[in-house]
N, C-alpha and C. Protein backbone atom coordinates (compact mmCIF):
# COMPACT_ATOMS: atom_id res chain seq x y z
N UNK A 1 -8.15 -25.27 8.57
CA UNK A 1 -6.57 -24.83 8.95
C UNK A 1 -7.06 -25.17 10.94
N UNK A 2 -5.75 -25.70 11.42
CA UNK A 2 -5.36 -25.17 12.79
C UNK A 2 -4.73 -24.25 13.32
N UNK A 3 -5.23 -23.38 13.55
CA UNK A 3 -5.08 -22.36 13.97
C UNK A 3 -3.75 -22.97 15.14
N UNK A 4 -2.03 -22.54 15.62
CA UNK A 4 -1.56 -22.25 16.10
C UNK A 4 -1.95 -20.93 17.28
N UNK A 5 -2.13 -21.00 18.43
CA UNK A 5 -2.33 -19.79 19.70
C UNK A 5 -1.33 -18.84 19.20
N UNK A 6 0.15 -18.80 19.25
CA UNK A 6 0.76 -18.10 19.46
C UNK A 6 1.35 -17.39 18.09
N UNK A 7 0.03 -17.97 16.86
CA UNK A 7 0.54 -17.18 16.05
C UNK A 7 0.46 -15.14 15.44
N UNK A 8 0.93 -15.42 14.88
CA UNK A 8 0.75 -13.87 14.73
C UNK A 8 0.72 -13.56 13.53
N UNK A 9 -0.78 -14.10 12.95
CA UNK A 9 -1.02 -13.77 11.67
C UNK A 9 -0.98 -12.48 10.66
N UNK A 10 -1.15 -10.92 11.74
CA UNK A 10 -0.98 -10.44 11.26
C UNK A 10 0.32 -9.37 10.70
N UNK A 11 1.07 -10.11 11.12
CA UNK A 11 2.27 -9.88 11.60
C UNK A 11 3.19 -8.83 12.86
N UNK A 12 2.04 -8.44 14.23
CA UNK A 12 2.27 -7.39 14.57
C UNK A 12 3.87 -7.06 15.30
N UNK A 13 4.56 -7.43 15.32
CA UNK A 13 5.76 -7.93 15.19
C UNK A 13 7.00 -7.26 14.72
N UNK A 14 6.55 -6.92 13.35
CA UNK A 14 7.60 -6.82 12.20
C UNK A 14 7.48 -5.89 13.02
N UNK A 15 7.25 -4.67 13.16
CA UNK A 15 7.17 -2.53 13.43
C UNK A 15 7.03 -2.56 15.02
N UNK A 16 7.26 -3.78 15.50
CA UNK A 16 6.54 -3.33 17.76
C UNK A 16 7.89 -2.45 17.78
N UNK A 17 9.05 -3.21 17.60
CA UNK A 17 9.73 -2.37 18.25
C UNK A 17 10.50 -1.10 17.62
N UNK A 18 10.55 -1.04 16.70
CA UNK A 18 10.69 0.33 15.00
C UNK A 18 9.46 1.57 15.37
N UNK A 19 8.50 1.05 16.15
CA UNK A 19 7.11 2.03 16.32
C UNK A 19 7.89 2.18 17.79
N UNK A 20 7.89 2.06 18.94
CA UNK A 20 8.38 2.38 20.09
C UNK A 20 9.48 3.64 20.10
N UNK A 21 9.95 2.98 18.78
CA UNK A 21 11.98 3.64 18.89
C UNK A 21 10.95 5.40 18.41
N UNK A 22 10.18 5.42 17.52
CA UNK A 22 9.80 6.15 16.93
C UNK A 22 9.08 7.32 17.22
N UNK A 23 9.95 8.35 17.65
CA UNK A 23 9.44 9.57 18.42
C UNK A 23 8.52 10.22 18.36
N UNK A 24 7.25 10.42 19.18
CA UNK A 24 6.42 11.50 19.08
C UNK A 24 6.18 12.85 18.00
N UNK A 25 5.68 13.12 16.44
CA UNK A 25 6.18 13.67 15.55
C UNK A 25 6.12 15.56 16.51
N UNK A 26 6.65 16.58 15.97
CA UNK A 26 6.30 17.87 16.62
C UNK A 26 5.29 17.97 16.08
N UNK A 27 4.43 19.37 16.00
CA UNK A 27 3.28 19.70 15.50
C UNK A 27 3.21 20.50 14.06
N UNK A 28 4.54 20.82 13.68
CA UNK A 28 5.12 21.39 12.79
C UNK A 28 5.27 19.82 11.83
N UNK A 29 6.03 18.76 11.71
CA UNK A 29 6.42 17.63 11.71
C UNK A 29 5.31 16.97 10.43
N UNK A 30 5.67 17.06 9.23
CA UNK A 30 4.77 16.12 8.35
C UNK A 30 4.93 14.98 8.49
N UNK A 31 4.56 13.98 9.18
CA UNK A 31 5.47 12.41 9.24
C UNK A 31 4.63 12.05 7.79
N UNK A 32 4.70 11.30 7.36
CA UNK A 32 4.07 10.20 6.06
C UNK A 32 4.23 9.10 6.71
N UNK A 33 2.95 8.08 6.88
CA UNK A 33 3.25 6.39 6.84
C UNK A 33 2.72 6.18 5.68
N UNK A 34 3.58 5.03 4.51
CA UNK A 34 3.80 3.94 3.72
C UNK A 34 2.93 2.77 4.24
N UNK A 35 1.56 2.51 3.97
CA UNK A 35 1.11 0.56 4.41
C UNK A 35 1.40 0.61 2.86
N UNK A 36 1.25 -1.42 3.34
CA UNK A 36 1.61 -2.02 1.51
C UNK A 36 2.23 -3.24 2.26
N UNK A 37 2.05 -3.38 0.71
CA UNK A 37 2.71 -5.02 0.70
C UNK A 37 4.60 -4.57 0.75
N UNK A 38 4.95 -5.39 0.11
CA UNK A 38 5.95 -6.17 -0.33
C UNK A 38 6.64 -4.89 -1.61
N UNK A 39 5.38 -4.65 -1.95
CA UNK A 39 6.08 -2.68 -2.81
C UNK A 39 7.07 -2.27 -2.17
N UNK A 40 5.78 -1.99 -1.26
CA UNK A 40 6.14 -0.95 -0.47
C UNK A 40 7.75 -1.50 0.96
N UNK A 41 7.22 -2.63 1.41
CA UNK A 41 8.89 -3.54 1.48
C UNK A 41 9.88 -3.15 1.36
N UNK A 42 10.10 -3.02 -0.15
CA UNK A 42 11.17 -3.08 -0.87
C UNK A 42 11.84 -1.73 -1.36
N UNK A 43 10.74 -0.69 -1.46
CA UNK A 43 10.85 0.86 -1.96
C UNK A 43 12.51 0.90 -0.23
N UNK A 44 11.62 1.02 0.66
CA UNK A 44 12.94 1.42 1.75
C UNK A 44 14.04 0.97 1.46
N UNK A 45 13.96 -0.78 1.55
CA UNK A 45 15.80 -1.06 1.15
C UNK A 45 16.35 -0.80 0.37
N UNK A 46 15.17 -0.38 -1.45
CA UNK A 46 16.62 0.01 -2.07
C UNK A 46 16.86 1.62 -2.46
N UNK A 47 15.37 2.33 -2.33
CA UNK A 47 15.84 3.62 -1.59
C UNK A 47 15.45 4.09 -0.63
N UNK A 48 16.07 3.58 0.91
CA UNK A 48 16.47 4.42 1.95
C UNK A 48 16.68 5.78 2.01
N UNK A 49 16.85 6.64 1.69
CA UNK A 49 17.43 7.64 1.20
C UNK A 49 16.02 8.55 1.34
N UNK A 50 14.73 7.99 0.15
CA UNK A 50 13.79 9.05 0.11
C UNK A 50 13.06 9.03 1.11
N UNK A 51 12.89 7.81 2.10
CA UNK A 51 12.22 7.86 3.38
C UNK A 51 12.99 8.81 3.83
N UNK A 52 14.18 8.60 4.60
CA UNK A 52 14.38 9.52 5.32
C UNK A 52 14.69 10.90 5.31
N UNK A 53 15.03 11.33 3.30
CA UNK A 53 14.91 12.49 3.74
C UNK A 53 13.45 13.33 3.35
N UNK A 54 12.69 12.51 3.37
CA UNK A 54 10.68 12.85 3.22
C UNK A 54 9.95 12.82 4.40
N UNK A 55 10.92 12.30 5.40
CA UNK A 55 10.47 11.77 6.79
C UNK A 55 8.68 10.88 6.60
N UNK A 56 9.53 9.82 5.51
CA UNK A 56 8.36 8.99 5.54
C UNK A 56 8.24 8.02 6.03
N UNK A 57 7.61 7.11 6.49
CA UNK A 57 7.69 5.83 6.86
C UNK A 57 7.75 4.34 6.80
N UNK A 58 7.92 4.01 6.58
CA UNK A 58 7.51 2.06 5.63
C UNK A 58 6.78 1.18 6.22
N UNK A 59 5.66 1.14 6.22
CA UNK A 59 5.33 -0.07 6.53
C UNK A 59 4.30 -1.21 5.94
N UNK A 60 5.63 -1.22 4.70
CA UNK A 60 5.17 -2.67 4.10
C UNK A 60 5.26 -4.33 4.94
N UNK A 61 4.65 -5.08 4.31
CA UNK A 61 5.22 -6.12 5.16
C UNK A 61 5.21 -7.08 3.59
N UNK A 62 6.15 -7.67 3.09
CA UNK A 62 5.84 -9.02 2.04
C UNK A 62 4.34 -10.29 1.90
N UNK A 63 3.60 -9.81 1.21
CA UNK A 63 2.39 -10.90 0.77
C UNK A 63 2.03 -10.65 1.75
N UNK A 64 1.68 -9.73 2.44
CA UNK A 64 0.30 -9.10 3.15
C UNK A 64 -1.16 -8.80 2.45
N UNK A 65 -1.78 -9.04 2.67
CA UNK A 65 -3.28 -8.65 2.09
C UNK A 65 -3.78 -7.01 3.24
N UNK A 66 -5.34 -7.04 2.28
CA UNK A 66 -5.67 -6.35 2.92
C UNK A 66 -5.90 -6.85 4.25
N UNK A 67 -6.58 -7.75 4.26
CA UNK A 67 -7.04 -8.11 5.84
C UNK A 67 -6.06 -7.94 6.93
N UNK A 68 -5.01 -8.21 6.88
CA UNK A 68 -3.73 -8.11 7.75
C UNK A 68 -3.39 -7.09 7.66
N UNK A 69 -3.75 -6.05 6.75
CA UNK A 69 -3.07 -4.10 6.85
C UNK A 69 -4.05 -3.95 8.09
N UNK A 70 -5.38 -4.14 7.40
CA UNK A 70 -6.55 -3.75 8.54
C UNK A 70 -6.13 -4.06 10.34
N UNK A 71 -6.40 -5.16 10.13
CA UNK A 71 -5.60 -5.50 11.79
C UNK A 71 -4.01 -4.74 12.50
N UNK A 72 -3.20 -4.32 11.55
CA UNK A 72 -2.30 -3.51 12.32
C UNK A 72 -2.63 -2.00 11.74
N UNK A 73 -3.41 -2.15 11.25
CA UNK A 73 -3.59 -0.45 11.25
C UNK A 73 -3.57 0.51 12.01
N UNK A 74 -4.12 0.42 13.22
CA UNK A 74 -3.93 1.00 14.46
C UNK A 74 -2.51 0.61 14.59
N UNK A 75 -1.84 0.40 15.19
CA UNK A 75 -0.41 0.55 15.81
C UNK A 75 0.73 0.74 14.28
N UNK A 76 0.65 0.32 13.70
CA UNK A 76 1.44 0.86 12.18
C UNK A 76 1.26 1.99 11.54
N UNK A 77 -0.05 2.50 11.81
CA UNK A 77 -0.34 4.28 11.30
C UNK A 77 -0.53 5.31 12.13
N UNK A 78 -1.71 4.57 12.83
CA UNK A 78 -2.66 5.47 13.72
C UNK A 78 -2.24 5.64 15.06
N UNK A 79 -1.22 5.19 15.72
CA UNK A 79 -0.80 5.38 16.74
C UNK A 79 0.93 6.12 15.95
N UNK A 80 0.96 6.39 15.13
CA UNK A 80 2.22 6.69 15.03
C UNK A 80 1.95 8.32 14.84
N UNK A 81 1.09 8.71 14.88
CA UNK A 81 0.65 9.33 14.45
C UNK A 81 1.11 10.99 13.74
N UNK A 82 0.94 9.89 12.20
CA UNK A 82 1.58 11.05 11.05
C UNK A 82 0.37 11.97 10.49
N UNK A 83 0.75 13.19 9.73
CA UNK A 83 0.04 13.76 9.05
C UNK A 83 -1.40 13.36 7.84
N UNK A 84 -0.26 11.99 7.43
CA UNK A 84 -1.15 11.36 5.99
C UNK A 84 -0.53 10.06 6.30
N UNK A 85 -0.91 8.84 5.51
CA UNK A 85 -1.52 7.74 4.77
C UNK A 85 -0.96 7.27 3.59
N UNK A 86 -0.47 6.74 2.80
CA UNK A 86 -1.12 6.02 2.26
C UNK A 86 -0.88 4.41 1.83
N UNK A 87 -1.36 4.21 0.94
CA UNK A 87 -2.41 3.14 1.12
C UNK A 87 -2.37 2.67 0.18
N UNK A 88 -1.72 1.69 0.23
CA UNK A 88 -1.21 1.10 -1.47
C UNK A 88 -1.55 -0.88 -1.35
N UNK A 89 -2.36 -1.56 -1.69
CA UNK A 89 -2.60 -2.80 -1.62
C UNK A 89 -3.67 -3.72 -2.15
N UNK A 90 -4.23 -4.88 -2.07
CA UNK A 90 -4.83 -5.14 -3.19
C UNK A 90 -4.27 -6.42 -3.70
N UNK A 91 -3.02 -6.23 -4.34
CA UNK A 91 -2.85 -7.61 -5.02
C UNK A 91 -2.49 -9.04 -4.78
N UNK A 92 -2.13 -8.67 -3.22
CA UNK A 92 -1.67 -10.15 -2.94
C UNK A 92 -3.42 -10.87 -2.43
N UNK A 93 -3.98 -9.85 -2.07
CA UNK A 93 -5.80 -10.66 -2.33
C UNK A 93 -6.23 -11.22 -3.79
N UNK A 94 -6.07 -10.49 -4.62
CA UNK A 94 -5.65 -11.43 -5.54
C UNK A 94 -5.51 -12.27 -6.46
N UNK A 95 -4.08 -12.24 -5.65
CA UNK A 95 -3.38 -13.57 -5.75
C UNK A 95 -3.87 -14.48 -4.94
N UNK A 96 -4.76 -14.09 -4.15
CA UNK A 96 -5.42 -15.72 -2.85
C UNK A 96 -4.59 -15.63 -1.43
N UNK A 97 -3.31 -14.83 -1.68
CA UNK A 97 -2.60 -15.53 -0.69
C UNK A 97 -3.18 -15.61 1.29
N UNK A 98 -4.13 -15.43 0.85
CA UNK A 98 -4.64 -15.62 2.41
C UNK A 98 -6.41 -15.89 1.92
N UNK A 99 -6.27 -16.44 0.77
CA UNK A 99 -7.52 -17.39 0.95
C UNK A 99 -8.34 -16.37 -0.25
N UNK A 100 -9.68 -17.23 -0.70
CA UNK A 100 -10.54 -16.49 -1.18
C UNK A 100 -11.21 -15.36 -0.98
N UNK A 101 -11.19 -14.57 -1.92
CA UNK A 101 -12.21 -12.77 -1.71
C UNK A 101 -12.15 -12.36 -3.22
N UNK A 102 -13.21 -11.47 -2.71
CA UNK A 102 -13.86 -10.44 -3.88
C UNK A 102 -13.40 -9.54 -3.95
N UNK A 103 -13.29 -8.73 -4.84
CA UNK A 103 -12.93 -7.50 -5.61
C UNK A 103 -13.66 -6.77 -4.53
N UNK A 104 -15.33 -6.68 -4.37
CA UNK A 104 -15.94 -6.01 -3.47
C UNK A 104 -14.99 -5.61 -2.11
N UNK A 105 -14.61 -7.22 -1.33
CA UNK A 105 -13.86 -7.43 -0.16
C UNK A 105 -13.43 -6.83 0.57
N UNK A 106 -12.22 -6.81 -1.00
CA UNK A 106 -10.70 -6.28 -1.23
C UNK A 106 -10.96 -4.64 -0.62
N UNK A 107 -11.65 -4.41 -1.88
CA UNK A 107 -11.78 -2.94 -1.55
C UNK A 107 -13.18 -2.13 -0.33
N UNK A 108 -13.49 -2.80 -0.36
CA UNK A 108 -14.11 -2.45 1.58
C UNK A 108 -12.91 -2.42 2.84
N UNK A 109 -11.98 -3.28 3.05
CA UNK A 109 -10.61 -3.51 3.02
C UNK A 109 -10.00 -1.77 3.33
N UNK A 110 -10.23 -1.85 2.63
CA UNK A 110 -9.07 -1.14 1.88
C UNK A 110 -10.03 0.35 2.65
N UNK A 111 -11.56 0.61 2.49
CA UNK A 111 -11.81 1.47 2.18
C UNK A 111 -12.49 1.94 3.92
N UNK A 112 -12.12 0.57 4.83
CA UNK A 112 -11.93 0.51 6.21
C UNK A 112 -10.41 1.35 6.91
N UNK A 113 -9.72 0.87 6.49
CA UNK A 113 -8.79 1.68 6.86
C UNK A 113 -8.54 3.08 6.41
N UNK A 114 -8.75 3.59 4.82
CA UNK A 114 -8.98 5.26 5.13
C UNK A 114 -10.36 5.44 5.99
N UNK A 115 -10.80 4.79 6.40
CA UNK A 115 -12.16 5.24 7.28
C UNK A 115 -11.54 5.74 9.05
N UNK A 116 -10.82 4.71 9.26
CA UNK A 116 -10.16 4.88 10.34
C UNK A 116 -9.23 6.32 10.24
N UNK A 117 -7.94 6.06 8.82
CA UNK A 117 -7.35 7.32 9.27
C UNK A 117 -7.98 8.71 9.45
N UNK A 118 -9.45 8.90 8.57
CA UNK A 118 -10.29 9.77 8.76
C UNK A 118 -10.70 9.68 10.06
N UNK A 119 -10.67 9.37 11.14
CA UNK A 119 -11.24 9.45 12.27
C UNK A 119 -10.75 10.20 13.25
N UNK A 120 -8.84 9.71 12.72
CA UNK A 120 -8.06 10.11 13.38
C UNK A 120 -7.44 11.77 12.89
N UNK A 121 -7.76 12.16 11.97
CA UNK A 121 -7.37 13.17 10.80
C UNK A 121 -6.31 13.09 10.67
N UNK A 122 -5.88 11.89 9.93
CA UNK A 122 -4.63 11.59 8.94
C UNK A 122 -5.27 11.49 7.34
N UNK A 123 -4.87 12.47 7.20
CA UNK A 123 -5.21 12.74 5.73
C UNK A 123 -4.76 11.42 4.69
N UNK A 124 -5.31 11.18 3.64
CA UNK A 124 -5.36 9.70 3.03
C UNK A 124 -4.81 9.98 1.45
N UNK A 125 -4.11 9.26 1.03
CA UNK A 125 -3.79 8.77 -0.32
C UNK A 125 -3.87 7.52 -0.65
N UNK A 126 -4.80 7.14 -1.17
CA UNK A 126 -5.21 6.08 -1.42
C UNK A 126 -4.21 6.14 -3.18
N UNK A 127 -3.63 4.89 -3.24
CA UNK A 127 -3.60 4.11 -4.06
C UNK A 127 -3.51 3.58 -5.38
N UNK A 128 -2.86 3.70 -6.10
CA UNK A 128 -4.00 2.05 -7.49
C UNK A 128 -2.66 0.93 -7.43
N UNK A 129 -3.43 -0.58 -7.14
CA UNK A 129 -2.60 -1.46 -7.66
C UNK A 129 -1.75 -1.50 -9.00
N UNK A 130 -0.55 -1.39 -8.80
CA UNK A 130 0.39 -2.19 -10.21
C UNK A 130 -0.65 -3.11 -10.79
N UNK A 131 0.11 -2.64 -12.17
CA UNK A 131 -0.46 -3.35 -12.93
C UNK A 131 0.28 -4.76 -12.61
N UNK A 132 -0.23 -6.10 -13.42
CA UNK A 132 0.48 -7.37 -13.51
C UNK A 132 -0.24 -7.93 -14.33
N UNK A 133 0.63 -8.88 -14.80
CA UNK A 133 -0.06 -9.95 -15.71
C UNK A 133 -0.03 -11.26 -15.31
N UNK A 134 0.91 -11.21 -14.52
CA UNK A 134 0.66 -13.00 -13.81
C UNK A 134 1.33 -12.68 -12.71
N UNK A 135 1.26 -13.90 -11.40
CA UNK A 135 1.93 -13.64 -10.59
C UNK A 135 2.76 -14.87 -10.13
N UNK A 136 3.96 -15.06 -10.10
CA UNK A 136 4.75 -16.02 -10.29
C UNK A 136 4.30 -17.22 -9.36
N UNK A 137 3.82 -16.89 -7.95
CA UNK A 137 3.66 -17.56 -6.82
C UNK A 137 2.29 -17.69 -6.99
N UNK A 138 1.28 -17.36 -8.18
CA UNK A 138 0.23 -17.86 -7.88
C UNK A 138 -0.52 -18.13 -9.79
N UNK A 139 0.20 -18.83 -10.42
CA UNK A 139 -0.18 -18.87 -11.66
C UNK A 139 -1.86 -19.31 -12.15
N UNK A 140 -2.28 -20.05 -11.28
CA UNK A 140 -3.83 -20.55 -12.15
C UNK A 140 -3.91 -18.80 -12.33
N UNK A 141 -4.01 -17.74 -11.90
CA UNK A 141 -4.83 -16.07 -11.94
C UNK A 141 -4.65 -15.83 -13.27
N UNK A 142 -5.51 -14.66 -12.73
CA UNK A 142 -5.35 -14.21 -14.24
C UNK A 142 -5.68 -13.03 -13.36
N UNK A 143 -4.71 -11.80 -13.42
CA UNK A 143 -4.90 -10.81 -12.07
C UNK A 143 -6.03 -9.08 -13.06
N UNK A 144 -5.76 -9.03 -14.16
CA UNK A 144 -5.54 -8.16 -14.72
C UNK A 144 -7.12 -7.74 -14.94
N UNK A 145 -8.36 -8.28 -15.41
CA UNK A 145 -8.97 -7.44 -15.01
C UNK A 145 -9.38 -7.70 -13.89
N UNK A 146 -9.98 -7.77 -12.42
CA UNK A 146 -9.64 -8.05 -11.33
C UNK A 146 -8.59 -6.73 -10.96
N UNK A 147 -7.58 -6.27 -11.20
CA UNK A 147 -6.61 -5.06 -11.46
C UNK A 147 -7.55 -3.60 -11.06
N UNK A 148 -7.53 -3.92 -13.17
CA UNK A 148 -8.39 -3.07 -13.45
C UNK A 148 -9.66 -2.71 -12.45
N UNK A 149 -10.76 -3.80 -12.27
CA UNK A 149 -11.75 -3.36 -11.39
C UNK A 149 -11.77 -2.84 -10.00
N UNK A 150 -10.62 -3.19 -9.14
CA UNK A 150 -10.10 -2.68 -7.75
C UNK A 150 -10.15 -1.34 -7.66
N UNK A 151 -9.33 -1.24 -9.47
CA UNK A 151 -9.07 0.78 -9.01
C UNK A 151 -9.65 1.34 -9.47
N UNK A 152 -10.58 0.58 -10.61
CA UNK A 152 -11.91 1.74 -10.58
C UNK A 152 -12.75 2.32 -8.98
N UNK A 153 -13.13 1.25 -7.96
CA UNK A 153 -13.55 1.14 -7.13
C UNK A 153 -12.95 1.81 -6.50
N UNK A 154 -11.14 1.65 -5.94
CA UNK A 154 -10.55 2.73 -5.38
C UNK A 154 -11.07 4.38 -5.68
N UNK A 155 -10.93 4.92 -7.02
CA UNK A 155 -11.11 6.09 -7.74
C UNK A 155 -11.73 6.49 -7.47
N UNK A 156 -13.36 5.60 -7.65
CA UNK A 156 -13.96 5.94 -6.77
C UNK A 156 -14.78 6.44 -5.72
N UNK A 157 -14.23 5.81 -4.62
CA UNK A 157 -14.33 6.44 -3.33
C UNK A 157 -13.48 7.38 -3.18
N UNK A 158 -12.40 7.39 -3.75
CA UNK A 158 -11.33 8.70 -3.39
C UNK A 158 -12.02 9.76 -3.48
N UNK A 159 -12.94 9.91 -4.86
CA UNK A 159 -13.63 11.36 -5.40
C UNK A 159 -14.49 11.31 -4.38
N UNK A 160 -15.26 10.64 -4.16
CA UNK A 160 -16.59 10.47 -3.34
C UNK A 160 -16.41 10.50 -1.67
N UNK A 161 -14.96 10.76 -1.62
CA UNK A 161 -14.87 11.04 -0.17
C UNK A 161 -14.06 12.04 0.67
N UNK A 162 -13.41 12.60 -0.43
CA UNK A 162 -11.92 13.83 -0.29
C UNK A 162 -10.72 13.51 -0.56
N UNK A 163 -10.26 12.25 -0.77
CA UNK A 163 -9.48 11.78 -0.96
C UNK A 163 -8.51 11.37 -1.84
N UNK A 164 -7.14 11.28 -2.12
CA UNK A 164 -6.70 12.06 -3.22
C UNK A 164 -6.41 10.36 -3.57
N UNK A 165 -6.62 10.34 -5.32
CA UNK A 165 -6.51 8.97 -5.68
C UNK A 165 -5.50 9.02 -6.11
N UNK A 166 -4.37 8.32 -6.21
CA UNK A 166 -2.60 7.96 -7.20
C UNK A 166 -2.78 7.19 -7.70
N UNK A 167 -2.53 7.82 -8.74
CA UNK A 167 -3.02 6.35 -10.48
C UNK A 167 -1.74 5.62 -10.72
N UNK A 168 -0.95 4.95 -10.45
CA UNK A 168 0.64 4.50 -10.71
C UNK A 168 -0.21 3.97 -12.14
N UNK A 169 -1.03 3.30 -12.14
CA UNK A 169 -1.37 2.00 -13.21
C UNK A 169 -1.26 2.77 -14.18
N UNK A 170 -1.69 3.57 -14.64
CA UNK A 170 -1.64 4.12 -15.81
C UNK A 170 -0.25 4.54 -16.35
N UNK A 171 0.50 5.25 -15.30
CA UNK A 171 1.84 5.62 -15.94
C UNK A 171 3.12 4.39 -15.93
N UNK A 172 2.40 2.98 -15.31
CA UNK A 172 3.54 1.55 -15.61
C UNK A 172 2.76 0.62 -16.02
N UNK A 173 1.57 0.84 -17.04
CA UNK A 173 1.26 -0.24 -17.91
C UNK A 173 1.85 -0.22 -19.01
N UNK A 174 1.98 -2.09 -19.28
CA UNK A 174 2.14 -1.55 -21.57
C UNK A 174 0.92 -1.97 -22.25
N UNK A 175 1.37 -2.34 -22.96
CA UNK A 175 0.09 -2.88 -24.28
C UNK A 175 -0.64 -4.05 -23.90
N UNK A 176 -0.37 -4.62 -22.61
CA UNK A 176 -0.73 -6.07 -22.31
C UNK A 176 -1.22 -5.94 -21.07
N UNK A 177 -1.54 -4.49 -20.51
CA UNK A 177 -2.56 -4.34 -19.48
C UNK A 177 -1.06 -5.30 -18.46
N UNK A 178 0.21 -4.96 -18.62
CA UNK A 178 0.92 -6.15 -17.27
C UNK A 178 1.74 -5.21 -16.95
N UNK A 179 3.13 -5.03 -16.29
CA UNK A 179 3.55 -3.56 -15.77
C UNK A 179 4.62 -3.66 -16.82
N UNK A 180 5.19 -2.66 -17.40
CA UNK A 180 6.34 -2.53 -17.79
C UNK A 180 7.70 -2.84 -17.55
N UNK A 181 8.31 -3.79 -18.79
CA UNK A 181 9.59 -4.26 -18.49
C UNK A 181 10.45 -4.26 -17.91
N UNK A 182 10.46 -2.51 -18.33
CA UNK A 182 11.86 -1.58 -17.90
C UNK A 182 11.58 -0.98 -16.57
N UNK A 183 10.50 -1.57 -15.85
CA UNK A 183 10.07 -1.42 -14.98
C UNK A 183 10.24 -1.81 -13.52
N UNK A 184 10.20 -3.18 -14.18
CA UNK A 184 10.26 -4.35 -12.91
C UNK A 184 10.77 -5.30 -13.16
N UNK A 185 10.73 -6.07 -11.63
CA UNK A 185 11.79 -6.87 -11.49
C UNK A 185 11.42 -8.10 -11.82
N UNK A 186 10.12 -8.87 -11.94
CA UNK A 186 8.98 -8.99 -12.35
C UNK A 186 7.86 -9.28 -12.82
N UNK A 187 6.69 -9.99 -12.86
CA UNK A 187 5.56 -9.31 -13.47
C UNK A 187 5.21 -8.40 -12.49
N UNK A 188 5.58 -7.88 -11.08
CA UNK A 188 4.59 -7.64 -10.17
C UNK A 188 5.51 -6.73 -9.87
N UNK A 189 6.60 -6.98 -8.67
CA UNK A 189 7.10 -5.59 -8.39
C UNK A 189 8.56 -5.01 -9.18
N UNK A 190 8.39 -3.88 -8.83
CA UNK A 190 8.94 -2.37 -9.75
C UNK A 190 10.35 -2.90 -9.20
N UNK A 191 11.07 -2.26 -9.84
CA UNK A 191 12.74 -2.52 -9.68
C UNK A 191 13.32 -1.19 -9.93
N UNK A 192 14.18 -0.42 -9.52
CA UNK A 192 14.72 0.58 -9.05
C UNK A 192 14.45 1.88 -9.89
N UNK A 193 13.95 1.42 -10.78
CA UNK A 193 13.51 2.70 -12.03
C UNK A 193 11.99 2.89 -11.98
N UNK A 194 11.60 1.84 -11.30
CA UNK A 194 9.75 2.14 -11.37
C UNK A 194 10.18 2.96 -9.89
N UNK A 195 11.04 2.70 -8.90
CA UNK A 195 10.61 3.08 -7.49
C UNK A 195 10.63 4.83 -8.01
N UNK A 196 12.42 5.07 -8.66
CA UNK A 196 12.53 6.04 -9.46
C UNK A 196 11.42 6.98 -9.81
N UNK A 197 10.26 6.72 -11.33
CA UNK A 197 9.52 6.86 -10.93
C UNK A 197 8.26 6.96 -10.07
N UNK A 198 7.65 6.35 -9.82
CA UNK A 198 6.91 6.29 -8.37
C UNK A 198 7.14 7.59 -7.71
N UNK A 199 8.73 7.78 -7.17
CA UNK A 199 8.46 8.64 -6.28
C UNK A 199 7.83 10.72 -6.37
N UNK A 200 8.55 11.18 -7.71
CA UNK A 200 7.62 12.42 -7.92
C UNK A 200 5.98 11.94 -7.57
N UNK A 201 5.36 10.84 -8.32
CA UNK A 201 4.24 10.94 -7.93
C UNK A 201 3.25 10.82 -7.31
N UNK A 202 4.19 10.35 -6.29
CA UNK A 202 3.41 9.86 -4.53
C UNK A 202 4.13 11.48 -3.66
N UNK A 203 4.75 12.11 -4.11
CA UNK A 203 5.56 13.25 -2.94
C UNK A 203 4.10 14.00 -3.70
N UNK A 204 4.05 14.48 -4.77
CA UNK A 204 2.96 15.13 -5.39
C UNK A 204 1.44 14.91 -4.84
N UNK A 205 0.74 13.62 -4.75
CA UNK A 205 -0.34 12.84 -3.76
C UNK A 205 0.00 13.18 -2.38
N UNK A 206 1.06 13.63 -1.81
CA UNK A 206 0.98 13.62 -0.15
C UNK A 206 0.84 14.93 -0.47
N UNK A 207 1.60 15.86 -1.43
CA UNK A 207 1.32 17.45 -1.27
C UNK A 207 0.12 17.65 -1.59
N UNK A 208 -1.07 17.30 -2.33
CA UNK A 208 -1.85 17.63 -2.05
C UNK A 208 -3.23 17.41 -1.51
N UNK A 209 -2.80 15.91 -0.42
CA UNK A 209 -3.37 15.73 0.63
C UNK A 209 -3.07 16.73 1.42
N UNK A 210 -2.69 16.58 2.32
CA UNK A 210 -1.77 17.72 3.67
C UNK A 210 -1.78 19.11 3.11
N UNK A 211 -1.60 19.67 2.19
CA UNK A 211 -1.87 20.86 1.42
C UNK A 211 -3.03 22.02 1.04
């Protein structure tokens, strides 16, 4: 693979301007950053009021893997000085978006983000990967087993390190271990009803982490 010298692999430019425009939070302000992929990215687009009303900052980028998120974690999370971060990642790694990677390596990237947050006194919410039965852009991959394995590792790590584990998976999975049709736009991404289901769950997890 030939790298272009100016290739912004982690997409640092996506939120650079927005980050500069974001004011430093006051001491009493409970800012929360959502780090993620298209599921987070589209959430802000589908229901911006949820983020504005709760002082939540969306920093999702469609298609991203945990390796890319880890690279931009300082710029897009730590430098924004939030009280907490919600990390929701992993499905694009399983889909192979940036090349082969083991479930254990995906988990380690997520854990590294959590450790960076912890080192900067940012509370951590680790969200489960949503159920997915297939990927339209990567049809040769069967994600069911790997999603289950990754969620087990995330849950175990969260419990061991006193982080909050947010279990979207159990609430949104169908009998075939895929995303419930009524909650999805496809086999991977939530529709607005899916987001409405996720919202009280993430708020409860954030409250648990902060308070």
